[in-house]
Amino acid sequence: MAEMTSKQITSENSGLWLIKIITGLLIIVILVIHLIVNHMLGTEGGLLTYADVVAYYQNPIIPIMEAAFLICVVAHSLIGLRGIIIDLNPSPRTLNGITWLLTGLGAAFIVYGLWLLMAIVAQG
């Protein structure tokens, strides 16, 4: 396997940039759908109680939408945070550690969010 140069390590590659663009667009689309469906169409006056939310999440499309929203927000925000850190010009070793830290945090946030989502769905 070819070794990465320090320039490749300390820059945002096109794959991460593409993921950030796609997740940004998906966030906008899913957010609009989320706001319309959860706050205008869900129930009269919106989802105001926990029981309303649990009943609403029994529609299988809703947990899928919320899971996609969670994954997009976490990925987009942590890739963006990494980009900000790159602007601070850290050493390649420091950036590598930060990248692993952000990856671990992102995975933990997504796992916890999906667990919480499934716990709410299971209440119904």
PDB file of N, CA and C in Angstrom:
ATOM      1  N   MET A   1       0.843  -1.177   0.000  1.00  0.00           N
ATOM      2  CA  MET A   1       0.000   0.000   0.000  1.00  0.00           C
ATOM      3  C   MET A   1       0.883   1.232   0.000  1.00  0.00           C
ATOM      4  N   ALA A   2       0.580   2.186  -0.847  1.00  0.00           N
ATOM      5  CA  ALA A   2       1.389   3.395  -0.954  1.00  0.00           C
ATOM      6  C   ALA A   2       1.210   4.252   0.294  1.00  0.00           C
ATOM      7  N   GLU A   3       2.308   4.862   0.717  1.00  0.00           N
ATOM      8  CA  GLU A   3       2.236   5.733   1.891  1.00  0.00           C
ATOM      9  C   GLU A   3       1.657   7.077   1.485  1.00  0.00           C
ATOM     10  N   MET A   4       0.897   7.658   2.410  1.00  0.00           N
ATOM     11  CA  MET A   4       0.309   8.965   2.148  1.00  0.00           C
ATOM     12  C   MET A   4       1.328  10.051   2.482  1.00  0.00           C
ATOM     13  N   THR A   5       1.367  11.089   1.674  1.00  0.00           N
ATOM     14  CA  THR A   5       2.234  12.214   1.964  1.00  0.00           C
ATOM     15  C   THR A   5       1.587  13.083   3.025  1.00  0.00           C
ATOM     16  N   SER A   6       2.383  13.965   3.637  1.00  0.00           N
ATOM     17  CA  SER A   6       1.816  14.838   4.666  1.00  0.00           C
ATOM     18  C   SER A   6       0.770  15.769   4.069  1.00  0.00           C
ATOM     19  N   LYS A   7       0.925  16.128   2.782  1.00  0.00           N
ATOM     20  CA  LYS A   7      -0.081  16.965   2.109  1.00  0.00           C
ATOM     21  C   LYS A   7      -1.416  16.227   2.017  1.00  0.00           C
ATOM     22  N   GLN A   8      -1.383  14.920   1.706  1.00  0.00           N
ATOM     23  CA  GLN A   8      -2.613  14.140   1.611  1.00  0.00           C
ATOM     24  C   GLN A   8      -3.254  13.962   2.976  1.00  0.00           C
ATOM     25  N   ILE A   9      -2.461  13.812   4.011  1.00  0.00           N
ATOM     26  CA  ILE A   9      -2.998  13.608   5.356  1.00  0.00           C
ATOM     27  C   ILE A   9      -3.632  14.883   5.887  1.00  0.00           C
ATOM     28  N   THR A  10      -3.009  16.028   5.604  1.00  0.00           N
ATOM     29  CA  THR A  10      -3.467  17.289   6.195  1.00  0.00           C
ATOM     30  C   THR A  10      -4.408  18.068   5.284  1.00  0.00           C
ATOM     31  N   SER A  11      -5.021  17.410   4.332  1.00  0.00           N
ATOM     32  CA  SER A  11      -5.993  18.094   3.493  1.00  0.00           C
ATOM     33  C   SER A  11      -7.281  17.276   3.462  1.00  0.00           C
ATOM     34  N   GLU A  12      -8.318  17.947   3.022  1.00  0.00           N
ATOM     35  CA  GLU A  12      -9.592  17.251   2.900  1.00  0.00           C
ATOM     36  C   GLU A  12      -9.650  16.658   1.499  1.00  0.00           C
ATOM     37  N   ASN A  13      -9.709  15.338   1.426  1.00  0.00           N
ATOM     38  CA  ASN A  13      -9.717  14.709   0.105  1.00  0.00           C
ATOM     39  C   ASN A  13     -11.089  14.837  -0.555  1.00  0.00           C
ATOM     40  N   SER A  14     -11.131  14.525  -1.845  1.00  0.00           N
ATOM     41  CA  SER A  14     -12.372  14.707  -2.601  1.00  0.00           C
ATOM     42  C   SER A  14     -13.492  13.799  -2.107  1.00  0.00           C
ATOM     43  N   GLY A  15     -13.151  12.622  -1.551  1.00  0.00           N
ATOM     44  CA  GLY A  15     -14.186  11.730  -1.023  1.00  0.00           C
ATOM     45  C   GLY A  15     -14.915  12.346   0.162  1.00  0.00           C
ATOM     46  N   LEU A  16     -14.163  12.925   1.101  1.00  0.00           N
ATOM     47  CA  LEU A  16     -14.795  13.579   2.254  1.00  0.00           C
ATOM     48  C   LEU A  16     -15.578  14.808   1.819  1.00  0.00           C
ATOM     49  N   TRP A  17     -15.025  15.547   0.866  1.00  0.00           N
ATOM     50  CA  TRP A  17     -15.717  16.730   0.372  1.00  0.00           C
ATOM     51  C   TRP A  17     -17.050  16.345  -0.262  1.00  0.00           C
ATOM     52  N   LEU A  18     -17.051  15.270  -1.050  1.00  0.00           N
ATOM     53  CA  LEU A  18     -18.272  14.806  -1.694  1.00  0.00           C
ATOM     54  C   LEU A  18     -19.302  14.348  -0.656  1.00  0.00           C
ATOM     55  N   ILE A  19     -18.844  13.625   0.363  1.00  0.00           N
ATOM     56  CA  ILE A  19     -19.754  13.197   1.439  1.00  0.00           C
ATOM     57  C   ILE A  19     -20.357  14.412   2.124  1.00  0.00           C
ATOM     58  N   LYS A  20     -19.537  15.435   2.383  1.00  0.00           N
ATOM     59  CA  LYS A  20     -20.036  16.642   3.051  1.00  0.00           C
ATOM     60  C   LYS A  20     -21.081  17.352   2.203  1.00  0.00           C
ATOM     61  N   ILE A  21     -20.863  17.421   0.894  1.00  0.00           N
ATOM     62  CA  ILE A  21     -21.831  18.069  -0.002  1.00  0.00           C
ATOM     63  C   ILE A  21     -23.134  17.275  -0.043  1.00  0.00           C
ATOM     64  N   ILE A  22     -23.044  15.974  -0.210  1.00  0.00           N
ATOM     65  CA  ILE A  22     -24.240  15.124  -0.294  1.00  0.00           C
ATOM     66  C   ILE A  22     -25.021  15.169   1.014  1.00  0.00           C
ATOM     67  N   THR A  23     -24.316  15.040   2.151  1.00  0.00           N
ATOM     68  CA  THR A  23     -25.036  15.068   3.429  1.00  0.00           C
ATOM     69  C   THR A  23     -25.649  16.441   3.686  1.00  0.00           C
ATOM     70  N   GLY A  24     -24.984  17.503   3.237  1.00  0.00           N
ATOM     71  CA  GLY A  24     -25.555  18.841   3.397  1.00  0.00           C
ATOM     72  C   GLY A  24     -26.866  18.986   2.636  1.00  0.00           C
ATOM     73  N   LEU A  25     -26.876  18.495   1.410  1.00  0.00           N
ATOM     74  CA  LEU A  25     -28.117  18.544   0.624  1.00  0.00           C
ATOM     75  C   LEU A  25     -29.210  17.671   1.245  1.00  0.00           C
ATOM     76  N   LEU A  26     -28.821  16.470   1.699  1.00  0.00           N
ATOM     77  CA  LEU A  26     -29.799  15.580   2.332  1.00  0.00           C
ATOM     78  C   LEU A  26     -30.352  16.182   3.622  1.00  0.00           C
ATOM     79  N   ILE A  27     -29.512  16.882   4.381  1.00  0.00           N
ATOM     80  CA  ILE A  27     -29.976  17.526   5.613  1.00  0.00           C
ATOM     81  C   ILE A  27     -31.075  18.529   5.289  1.00  0.00           C
ATOM     82  N   ILE A  28     -30.870  19.323   4.263  1.00  0.00           N
ATOM     83  CA  ILE A  28     -31.883  20.321   3.887  1.00  0.00           C
ATOM     84  C   ILE A  28     -33.187  19.642   3.496  1.00  0.00           C
ATOM     85  N   VAL A  29     -33.104  18.616   2.650  1.00  0.00           N
ATOM     86  CA  VAL A  29     -34.306  17.921   2.184  1.00  0.00           C
ATOM     87  C   VAL A  29     -35.024  17.240   3.350  1.00  0.00           C
ATOM     88  N   ILE A  30     -34.270  16.481   4.156  1.00  0.00           N
ATOM     89  CA  ILE A  30     -34.890  15.742   5.262  1.00  0.00           C
ATOM     90  C   ILE A  30     -35.420  16.702   6.320  1.00  0.00           C
ATOM     91  N   LEU A  31     -34.723  17.823   6.555  1.00  0.00           N
ATOM     92  CA  LEU A  31     -35.200  18.793   7.537  1.00  0.00           C
ATOM     93  C   LEU A  31     -36.541  19.386   7.122  1.00  0.00           C
ATOM     94  N   VAL A  32     -36.676  19.720   5.850  1.00  0.00           N
ATOM     95  CA  VAL A  32     -37.955  20.262   5.371  1.00  0.00           C
ATOM     96  C   VAL A  32     -39.059  19.222   5.540  1.00  0.00           C
ATOM     97  N   ILE A  33     -38.777  17.981   5.122  1.00  0.00           N
ATOM     98  CA  ILE A  33     -39.772  16.911   5.289  1.00  0.00           C
ATOM     99  C   ILE A  33     -40.085  16.705   6.770  1.00  0.00           C
ATOM    100  N   HIS A  34     -39.051  16.674   7.609  1.00  0.00           N
ATOM    101  CA  HIS A  34     -39.217  16.494   9.055  1.00  0.00           C
ATOM    102  C   HIS A  34     -40.122  17.581   9.643  1.00  0.00           C
ATOM    103  N   LEU A  35     -39.852  18.827   9.304  1.00  0.00           N
ATOM    104  CA  LEU A  35     -40.646  19.924   9.854  1.00  0.00           C
ATOM    105  C   LEU A  35     -42.093  19.862   9.391  1.00  0.00           C
ATOM    106  N   ILE A  36     -42.297  19.594   8.112  1.00  0.00           N
ATOM    107  CA  ILE A  36     -43.668  19.530   7.589  1.00  0.00           C
ATOM    108  C   ILE A  36     -44.419  18.358   8.211  1.00  0.00           C
ATOM    109  N   VAL A  37     -43.814  17.182   8.186  1.00  0.00           N
ATOM    110  CA  VAL A  37     -44.500  15.976   8.640  1.00  0.00           C
ATOM    111  C   VAL A  37     -44.683  15.973  10.159  1.00  0.00           C
ATOM    112  N   ASN A  38     -43.638  16.295  10.905  1.00  0.00           N
ATOM    113  CA  ASN A  38     -43.726  16.223  12.368  1.00  0.00           C
ATOM    114  C   ASN A  38     -44.539  17.346  12.976  1.00  0.00           C
ATOM    115  N   HIS A  39     -44.501  18.527  12.377  1.00  0.00           N
ATOM    116  CA  HIS A  39     -45.119  19.673  13.029  1.00  0.00           C
ATOM    117  C   HIS A  39     -46.382  20.182  12.352  1.00  0.00           C
ATOM    118  N   MET A  40     -46.681  19.686  11.173  1.00  0.00           N
ATOM    119  CA  MET A  40     -47.885  20.149  10.495  1.00  0.00           C
ATOM    120  C   MET A  40     -48.854  19.022  10.167  1.00  0.00           C
ATOM    121  N   LEU A  41     -48.328  17.857   9.805  1.00  0.00           N
ATOM    122  CA  LEU A  41     -49.197  16.771   9.379  1.00  0.00           C
ATOM    123  C   LEU A  41     -49.361  15.678  10.426  1.00  0.00           C
ATOM    124  N   GLY A  42     -48.448  15.578  11.374  1.00  0.00           N
ATOM    125  CA  GLY A  42     -48.454  14.491  12.353  1.00  0.00           C
ATOM    126  C   GLY A  42     -49.761  14.396  13.120  1.00  0.00           C
ATOM    127  N   THR A  43     -50.086  15.421  13.834  1.00  0.00           N
ATOM    128  CA  THR A  43     -51.347  15.513  14.569  1.00  0.00           C
ATOM    129  C   THR A  43     -51.759  16.976  14.588  1.00  0.00           C
ATOM    130  N   GLU A  44     -52.961  17.224  15.007  1.00  0.00           N
ATOM    131  CA  GLU A  44     -53.437  18.596  15.122  1.00  0.00           C
ATOM    132  C   GLU A  44     -52.565  19.343  16.132  1.00  0.00           C
ATOM    133  N   GLY A  45     -51.876  20.381  15.687  1.00  0.00           N
ATOM    134  CA  GLY A  45     -51.019  21.158  16.576  1.00  0.00           C
ATOM    135  C   GLY A  45     -49.619  20.584  16.733  1.00  0.00           C
ATOM    136  N   GLY A  46     -49.311  19.489  16.053  1.00  0.00           N
ATOM    137  CA  GLY A  46     -47.979  18.900  16.138  1.00  0.00           C
ATOM    138  C   GLY A  46     -47.918  17.767  17.146  1.00  0.00           C
ATOM    139  N   LEU A  47     -46.748  17.186  17.266  1.00  0.00           N
ATOM    140  CA  LEU A  47     -46.525  16.088  18.208  1.00  0.00           C
ATOM    141  C   LEU A  47     -46.161  16.711  19.557  1.00  0.00           C
ATOM    142  N   LEU A  48     -47.128  16.771  20.458  1.00  0.00           N
ATOM    143  CA  LEU A  48     -46.928  17.508  21.702  1.00  0.00           C
ATOM    144  C   LEU A  48     -46.580  16.630  22.895  1.00  0.00           C
ATOM    145  N   THR A  49     -46.885  15.351  22.831  1.00  0.00           N
ATOM    146  CA  THR A  49     -46.609  14.484  23.971  1.00  0.00           C
ATOM    147  C   THR A  49     -45.755  13.300  23.526  1.00  0.00           C
ATOM    148  N   TYR A  50     -45.162  12.649  24.514  1.00  0.00           N
ATOM    149  CA  TYR A  50     -44.367  11.462  24.239  1.00  0.00           C
ATOM    150  C   TYR A  50     -45.237  10.376  23.603  1.00  0.00           C
ATOM    151  N   ALA A  51     -46.463  10.243  24.072  1.00  0.00           N
ATOM    152  CA  ALA A  51     -47.383   9.246  23.506  1.00  0.00           C
ATOM    153  C   ALA A  51     -47.657   9.535  22.028  1.00  0.00           C
ATOM    154  N   ASP A  52     -47.788  10.826  21.676  1.00  0.00           N
ATOM    155  CA  ASP A  52     -47.967  11.202  20.265  1.00  0.00           C
ATOM    156  C   ASP A  52     -46.769  10.770  19.430  1.00  0.00           C
ATOM    157  N   VAL A  53     -45.571  10.988  19.969  1.00  0.00           N
ATOM    158  CA  VAL A  53     -44.348  10.637  19.252  1.00  0.00           C
ATOM    159  C   VAL A  53     -44.252   9.125  19.064  1.00  0.00           C
ATOM    160  N   VAL A  54     -44.524   8.371  20.123  1.00  0.00           N
ATOM    161  CA  VAL A  54     -44.452   6.903  20.039  1.00  0.00           C
ATOM    162  C   VAL A  54     -45.442   6.385  19.008  1.00  0.00           C
ATOM    163  N   ALA A  55     -46.654   6.890  19.035  1.00  0.00           N
ATOM    164  CA  ALA A  55     -47.659   6.453  18.061  1.00  0.00           C
ATOM    165  C   ALA A  55     -47.238   6.836  16.641  1.00  0.00           C
ATOM    166  N   TYR A  56     -46.690   8.001  16.494  1.00  0.00           N
ATOM    167  CA  TYR A  56     -46.264   8.489  15.187  1.00  0.00           C
ATOM    168  C   TYR A  56     -45.121   7.654  14.615  1.00  0.00           C
ATOM    169  N   TYR A  57     -44.217   7.211  15.472  1.00  0.00           N
ATOM    170  CA  TYR A  57     -43.057   6.424  15.042  1.00  0.00           C
ATOM    171  C   TYR A  57     -43.417   4.993  14.666  1.00  0.00           C
ATOM    172  N   GLN A  58     -44.657   4.606  14.795  1.00  0.00           N
ATOM    173  CA  GLN A  58     -45.067   3.273  14.377  1.00  0.00           C
ATOM    174  C   GLN A  58     -45.172   3.172  12.858  1.00  0.00           C
ATOM    175  N   ASN A  59     -45.229   4.305  12.179  1.00  0.00           N
ATOM    176  CA  ASN A  59     -45.150   4.318  10.717  1.00  0.00           C
ATOM    177  C   ASN A  59     -43.697   4.002  10.360  1.00  0.00           C
ATOM    178  N   PRO A  60     -43.430   2.925   9.617  1.00  0.00           N
ATOM    179  CA  PRO A  60     -42.046   2.504   9.374  1.00  0.00           C
ATOM    180  C   PRO A  60     -41.193   3.509   8.596  1.00  0.00           C
ATOM    181  N   ILE A  61     -41.792   4.408   7.877  1.00  0.00           N
ATOM    182  CA  ILE A  61     -41.030   5.395   7.122  1.00  0.00           C
ATOM    183  C   ILE A  61     -40.402   6.436   8.058  1.00  0.00           C
ATOM    184  N   ILE A  62     -41.076   6.754   9.145  1.00  0.00           N
ATOM    185  CA  ILE A  62     -40.609   7.806  10.052  1.00  0.00           C
ATOM    186  C   ILE A  62     -39.273   7.438  10.712  1.00  0.00           C
ATOM    187  N   PRO A  63     -39.115   6.249  11.315  1.00  0.00           N
ATOM    188  CA  PRO A  63     -37.798   5.923  11.888  1.00  0.00           C
ATOM    189  C   PRO A  63     -36.685   5.892  10.846  1.00  0.00           C
ATOM    190  N   ILE A  64     -37.003   5.470   9.620  1.00  0.00           N
ATOM    191  CA  ILE A  64     -35.991   5.464   8.562  1.00  0.00           C
ATOM    192  C   ILE A  64     -35.563   6.894   8.247  1.00  0.00           C
ATOM    193  N   MET A  65     -36.536   7.797   8.151  1.00  0.00           N
ATOM    194  CA  MET A  65     -36.242   9.201   7.881  1.00  0.00           C
ATOM    195  C   MET A  65     -35.409   9.808   9.012  1.00  0.00           C
ATOM    196  N   GLU A  66     -35.790   9.534  10.233  1.00  0.00           N
ATOM    197  CA  GLU A  66     -35.066  10.088  11.379  1.00  0.00           C
ATOM    198  C   GLU A  66     -33.662   9.514  11.484  1.00  0.00           C
ATOM    199  N   ALA A  67     -33.486   8.230  11.170  1.00  0.00           N
ATOM    200  CA  ALA A  67     -32.156   7.617  11.188  1.00  0.00           C
ATOM    201  C   ALA A  67     -31.276   8.243  10.111  1.00  0.00           C
ATOM    202  N   ALA A  68     -31.816   8.451   8.933  1.00  0.00           N
ATOM    203  CA  ALA A  68     -31.056   9.093   7.853  1.00  0.00           C
ATOM    204  C   ALA A  68     -30.662  10.514   8.249  1.00  0.00           C
ATOM    205  N   PHE A  69     -31.583  11.227   8.887  1.00  0.00           N
ATOM    206  CA  PHE A  69     -31.318  12.587   9.357  1.00  0.00           C
ATOM    207  C   PHE A  69     -30.177  12.582  10.372  1.00  0.00           C
ATOM    208  N   LEU A  70     -30.235  11.675  11.328  1.00  0.00           N
ATOM    209  CA  LEU A  70     -29.191  11.548  12.349  1.00  0.00           C
ATOM    210  C   LEU A  70     -27.827  11.284  11.708  1.00  0.00           C
ATOM    211  N   ILE A  71     -27.764  10.315  10.821  1.00  0.00           N
ATOM    212  CA  ILE A  71     -26.493   9.942  10.194  1.00  0.00           C
ATOM    213  C   ILE A  71     -25.937  11.104   9.365  1.00  0.00           C
ATOM    214  N   CYS A  72     -26.786  11.766   8.615  1.00  0.00           N
ATOM    215  CA  CYS A  72     -26.333  12.899   7.799  1.00  0.00           C
ATOM    216  C   CYS A  72     -25.818  14.051   8.655  1.00  0.00           C
ATOM    217  N   VAL A  73     -26.531  14.385   9.716  1.00  0.00           N
ATOM    218  CA  VAL A  73     -26.112  15.492  10.575  1.00  0.00           C
ATOM    219  C   VAL A  73     -24.783  15.181  11.255  1.00  0.00           C
ATOM    220  N   VAL A  74     -24.643  13.981  11.798  1.00  0.00           N
ATOM    221  CA  VAL A  74     -23.393  13.619  12.476  1.00  0.00           C
ATOM    222  C   VAL A  74     -22.230  13.618  11.491  1.00  0.00           C
ATOM    223  N   ALA A  75     -22.401  12.973  10.348  1.00  0.00           N
ATOM    224  CA  ALA A  75     -21.311  12.908   9.360  1.00  0.00           C
ATOM    225  C   ALA A  75     -20.936  14.304   8.872  1.00  0.00           C
ATOM    226  N   HIS A  76     -21.925  15.095   8.507  1.00  0.00           N
ATOM    227  CA  HIS A  76     -21.666  16.431   7.974  1.00  0.00           C
ATOM    228  C   HIS A  76     -20.970  17.313   9.006  1.00  0.00           C
ATOM    229  N   SER A  77     -21.448  17.283  10.229  1.00  0.00           N
ATOM    230  CA  SER A  77     -20.872  18.160  11.253  1.00  0.00           C
ATOM    231  C   SER A  77     -19.449  17.755  11.614  1.00  0.00           C
ATOM    232  N   LEU A  78     -19.177  16.464  11.729  1.00  0.00           N
ATOM    233  CA  LEU A  78     -17.830  16.041  12.118  1.00  0.00           C
ATOM    234  C   LEU A  78     -16.829  16.203  10.970  1.00  0.00           C
ATOM    235  N   ILE A  79     -17.260  16.006   9.734  1.00  0.00           N
ATOM    236  CA  ILE A  79     -16.364  16.274   8.604  1.00  0.00           C
ATOM    237  C   ILE A  79     -16.086  17.780   8.525  1.00  0.00           C
ATOM    238  N   GLY A  80     -17.100  18.587   8.782  1.00  0.00           N
ATOM    239  CA  GLY A  80     -16.901  20.037   8.814  1.00  0.00           C
ATOM    240  C   GLY A  80     -15.962  20.461   9.933  1.00  0.00           C
ATOM    241  N   LEU A  81     -16.113  19.860  11.113  1.00  0.00           N
ATOM    242  CA  LEU A  81     -15.222  20.157  12.235  1.00  0.00           C
ATOM    243  C   LEU A  81     -13.786  19.774  11.892  1.00  0.00           C
ATOM    244  N   ARG A  82     -13.605  18.650  11.230  1.00  0.00           N
ATOM    245  CA  ARG A  82     -12.262  18.228  10.792  1.00  0.00           C
ATOM    246  C   ARG A  82     -11.693  19.246   9.811  1.00  0.00           C
ATOM    247  N   GLY A  83     -12.518  19.769   8.929  1.00  0.00           N
ATOM    248  CA  GLY A  83     -12.068  20.792   7.990  1.00  0.00           C
ATOM    249  C   GLY A  83     -11.617  22.061   8.700  1.00  0.00           C
ATOM    250  N   ILE A  84     -12.334  22.446   9.746  1.00  0.00           N
ATOM    251  CA  ILE A  84     -11.930  23.615  10.537  1.00  0.00           C
ATOM    252  C   ILE A  84     -10.595  23.351  11.208  1.00  0.00           C
ATOM    253  N   ILE A  85     -10.429  22.151  11.747  1.00  0.00           N
ATOM    254  CA  ILE A  85      -9.165  21.790  12.398  1.00  0.00           C
ATOM    255  C   ILE A  85      -8.022  21.791  11.390  1.00  0.00           C
ATOM    256  N   ILE A  86      -8.271  21.342  10.160  1.00  0.00           N
ATOM    257  CA  ILE A  86      -7.240  21.376   9.114  1.00  0.00           C
ATOM    258  C   ILE A  86      -6.772  22.811   8.875  1.00  0.00           C
ATOM    259  N   ASP A  87      -7.703  23.767   8.935  1.00  0.00           N
ATOM    260  CA  ASP A  87      -7.338  25.176   8.747  1.00  0.00           C
ATOM    261  C   ASP A  87      -6.382  25.677   9.828  1.00  0.00           C
ATOM    262  N   LEU A  88      -6.358  25.017  10.973  1.00  0.00           N
ATOM    263  CA  LEU A  88      -5.441  25.394  12.055  1.00  0.00           C
ATOM    264  C   LEU A  88      -4.038  24.829  11.836  1.00  0.00           C
ATOM    265  N   ASN A  89      -3.868  24.047  10.768  1.00  0.00           N
ATOM    266  CA  ASN A  89      -2.580  23.495  10.342  1.00  0.00           C
ATOM    267  C   ASN A  89      -1.905  22.619  11.412  1.00  0.00           C
ATOM    268  N   PRO A  90      -2.591  21.588  11.879  1.00  0.00           N
ATOM    269  CA  PRO A  90      -1.948  20.695  12.853  1.00  0.00           C
ATOM    270  C   PRO A  90      -0.924  19.799  12.151  1.00  0.00           C
ATOM    271  N   SER A  91      -0.081  19.164  12.940  1.00  0.00           N
ATOM    272  CA  SER A  91       0.878  18.225  12.358  1.00  0.00           C
ATOM    273  C   SER A  91       0.105  17.019  11.813  1.00  0.00           C
ATOM    274  N   PRO A  92       0.681  16.305  10.853  1.00  0.00           N
ATOM    275  CA  PRO A  92      -0.008  15.125  10.314  1.00  0.00           C
ATOM    276  C   PRO A  92      -0.360  14.105  11.405  1.00  0.00           C
ATOM    277  N   ARG A  93       0.528  13.923  12.379  1.00  0.00           N
ATOM    278  CA  ARG A  93       0.266  12.968  13.462  1.00  0.00           C
ATOM    279  C   ARG A  93      -0.918  13.418  14.326  1.00  0.00           C
ATOM    280  N   THR A  94      -0.952  14.728  14.634  1.00  0.00           N
ATOM    281  CA  THR A  94      -2.067  15.269  15.425  1.00  0.00           C
ATOM    282  C   THR A  94      -3.382  15.128  14.664  1.00  0.00           C
ATOM    283  N   LEU A  95      -3.363  15.472  13.378  1.00  0.00           N
ATOM    284  CA  LEU A  95      -4.580  15.370  12.580  1.00  0.00           C
ATOM    285  C   LEU A  95      -5.045  13.929  12.467  1.00  0.00           C
ATOM    286  N   ASN A  96      -4.120  13.003  12.348  1.00  0.00           N
ATOM    287  CA  ASN A  96      -4.489  11.590  12.294  1.00  0.00           C
ATOM    288  C   ASN A  96      -5.199  11.177  13.582  1.00  0.00           C
ATOM    289  N   GLY A  97      -4.680  11.615  14.721  1.00  0.00           N
ATOM    290  CA  GLY A  97      -5.330  11.309  16.003  1.00  0.00           C
ATOM    291  C   GLY A  97      -6.703  11.944  16.108  1.00  0.00           C
ATOM    292  N   ILE A  98      -6.809  13.191  15.665  1.00  0.00           N
ATOM    293  CA  ILE A  98      -8.097  13.893  15.695  1.00  0.00           C
ATOM    294  C   ILE A  98      -9.101  13.204  14.772  1.00  0.00           C
ATOM    295  N   THR A  99      -8.631  12.768  13.607  1.00  0.00           N
ATOM    296  CA  THR A  99      -9.509  12.059  12.670  1.00  0.00           C
ATOM    297  C   THR A  99     -10.064  10.793  13.308  1.00  0.00           C
ATOM    298  N   TRP A 100      -9.202  10.028  13.969  1.00  0.00           N
ATOM    299  CA  TRP A 100      -9.665   8.804  14.646  1.00  0.00           C
ATOM    300  C   TRP A 100     -10.620   9.136  15.780  1.00  0.00           C
ATOM    301  N   LEU A 101     -10.332  10.211  16.528  1.00  0.00           N
ATOM    302  CA  LEU A 101     -11.215  10.624  17.623  1.00  0.00           C
ATOM    303  C   LEU A 101     -12.595  11.008  17.086  1.00  0.00           C
ATOM    304  N   LEU A 102     -12.615  11.816  16.036  1.00  0.00           N
ATOM    305  CA  LEU A 102     -13.896  12.236  15.454  1.00  0.00           C
ATOM    306  C   LEU A 102     -14.664  11.055  14.870  1.00  0.00           C
ATOM    307  N   THR A 103     -13.935  10.116  14.265  1.00  0.00           N
ATOM    308  CA  THR A 103     -14.585   8.917  13.730  1.00  0.00           C
ATOM    309  C   THR A 103     -15.220   8.109  14.853  1.00  0.00           C
ATOM    310  N   GLY A 104     -14.499   7.935  15.945  1.00  0.00           N
ATOM    311  CA  GLY A 104     -15.038   7.199  17.101  1.00  0.00           C
ATOM    312  C   GLY A 104     -16.232   7.897  17.719  1.00  0.00           C
ATOM    313  N   LEU A 105     -16.127   9.227  17.876  1.00  0.00           N
ATOM    314  CA  LEU A 105     -17.253   9.983  18.424  1.00  0.00           C
ATOM    315  C   LEU A 105     -18.470   9.889  17.510  1.00  0.00           C
ATOM    316  N   GLY A 106     -18.244  10.021  16.209  1.00  0.00           N
ATOM    317  CA  GLY A 106     -19.350   9.923  15.248  1.00  0.00           C
ATOM    318  C   GLY A 106     -20.038   8.570  15.319  1.00  0.00           C
ATOM    319  N   ALA A 107     -19.233   7.513  15.383  1.00  0.00           N
ATOM    320  CA  ALA A 107     -19.807   6.167  15.485  1.00  0.00           C
ATOM    321  C   ALA A 107     -20.609   6.020  16.779  1.00  0.00           C
ATOM    322  N   ALA A 108     -20.063   6.542  17.881  1.00  0.00           N
ATOM    323  CA  ALA A 108     -20.766   6.448  19.169  1.00  0.00           C
ATOM    324  C   ALA A 108     -22.074   7.242  19.139  1.00  0.00           C
ATOM    325  N   PHE A 109     -22.040   8.450  18.569  1.00  0.00           N
ATOM    326  CA  PHE A 109     -23.263   9.260  18.473  1.00  0.00           C
ATOM    327  C   PHE A 109     -24.328   8.561  17.643  1.00  0.00           C
ATOM    328  N   ILE A 110     -23.916   7.979  16.524  1.00  0.00           N
ATOM    329  CA  ILE A 110     -24.870   7.303  15.641  1.00  0.00           C
ATOM    330  C   ILE A 110     -25.439   6.057  16.313  1.00  0.00           C
ATOM    331  N   VAL A 111     -24.590   5.263  16.949  1.00  0.00           N
ATOM    332  CA  VAL A 111     -25.068   4.050  17.636  1.00  0.00           C
ATOM    333  C   VAL A 111     -26.046   4.429  18.739  1.00  0.00           C
ATOM    334  N   TYR A 112     -25.701   5.435  19.539  1.00  0.00           N
ATOM    335  CA  TYR A 112     -26.607   5.861  20.620  1.00  0.00           C
ATOM    336  C   TYR A 112     -27.921   6.395  20.054  1.00  0.00           C
ATOM    337  N   GLY A 113     -27.837   7.214  19.023  1.00  0.00           N
ATOM    338  CA  GLY A 113     -29.052   7.769  18.425  1.00  0.00           C
ATOM    339  C   GLY A 113     -29.948   6.696  17.833  1.00  0.00           C
ATOM    340  N   LEU A 114     -29.357   5.722  17.163  1.00  0.00           N
ATOM    341  CA  LEU A 114     -30.154   4.629  16.597  1.00  0.00           C
ATOM    342  C   LEU A 114     -30.753   3.762  17.696  1.00  0.00           C
ATOM    343  N   TRP A 115     -29.983   3.544  18.766  1.00  0.00           N
ATOM    344  CA  TRP A 115     -30.540   2.786  19.904  1.00  0.00           C
ATOM    345  C   TRP A 115     -31.726   3.521  20.501  1.00  0.00           C
ATOM    346  N   LEU A 116     -31.590   4.826  20.699  1.00  0.00           N
ATOM    347  CA  LEU A 116     -32.680   5.619  21.256  1.00  0.00           C
ATOM    348  C   LEU A 116     -33.889   5.607  20.331  1.00  0.00           C
ATOM    349  N   LEU A 117     -33.652   5.721  19.051  1.00  0.00           N
ATOM    350  CA  LEU A 117     -34.734   5.667  18.062  1.00  0.00           C
ATOM    351  C   LEU A 117     -35.477   4.336  18.143  1.00  0.00           C
ATOM    352  N   MET A 118     -34.725   3.241  18.206  1.00  0.00           N
ATOM    353  CA  MET A 118     -35.355   1.921  18.287  1.00  0.00           C
ATOM    354  C   MET A 118     -36.080   1.734  19.623  1.00  0.00           C
ATOM    355  N   ALA A 119     -35.561   2.322  20.697  1.00  0.00           N
ATOM    356  CA  ALA A 119     -36.238   2.235  21.995  1.00  0.00           C
ATOM    357  C   ALA A 119     -37.592   2.937  21.943  1.00  0.00           C
ATOM    358  N   ILE A 120     -37.641   4.075  21.253  1.00  0.00           N
ATOM    359  CA  ILE A 120     -38.922   4.788  21.118  1.00  0.00           C
ATOM    360  C   ILE A 120     -39.888   3.976  20.271  1.00  0.00           C
ATOM    361  N   VAL A 121     -39.398   3.422  19.173  1.00  0.00           N
ATOM    362  CA  VAL A 121     -40.253   2.620  18.286  1.00  0.00           C
ATOM    363  C   VAL A 121     -40.789   1.399  19.062  1.00  0.00           C
ATOM    364  N   ALA A 122     -39.959   0.785  19.888  1.00  0.00           N
ATOM    365  CA  ALA A 122     -40.361  -0.406  20.628  1.00  0.00           C
ATOM    366  C   ALA A 122     -41.428  -0.123  21.688  1.00  0.00           C
ATOM    367  N   GLN A 123     -41.617   1.132  22.062  1.00  0.00           N
ATOM    368  CA  GLN A 123     -42.623   1.481  23.061  1.00  0.00           C
ATOM    369  C   GLN A 123     -44.059   1.311  22.531  1.00  0.00           C
ATOM    370  N   GLY A 124     -44.191   1.299  21.206  1.00  0.00           N
ATOM    371  CA  GLY A 124     -45.531   1.273  20.606  1.00  0.00           C
ATOM    372  C   GLY A 124     -46.132  -0.070  20.455  1.00  0.00           C
TER     373      GLY A 124
END
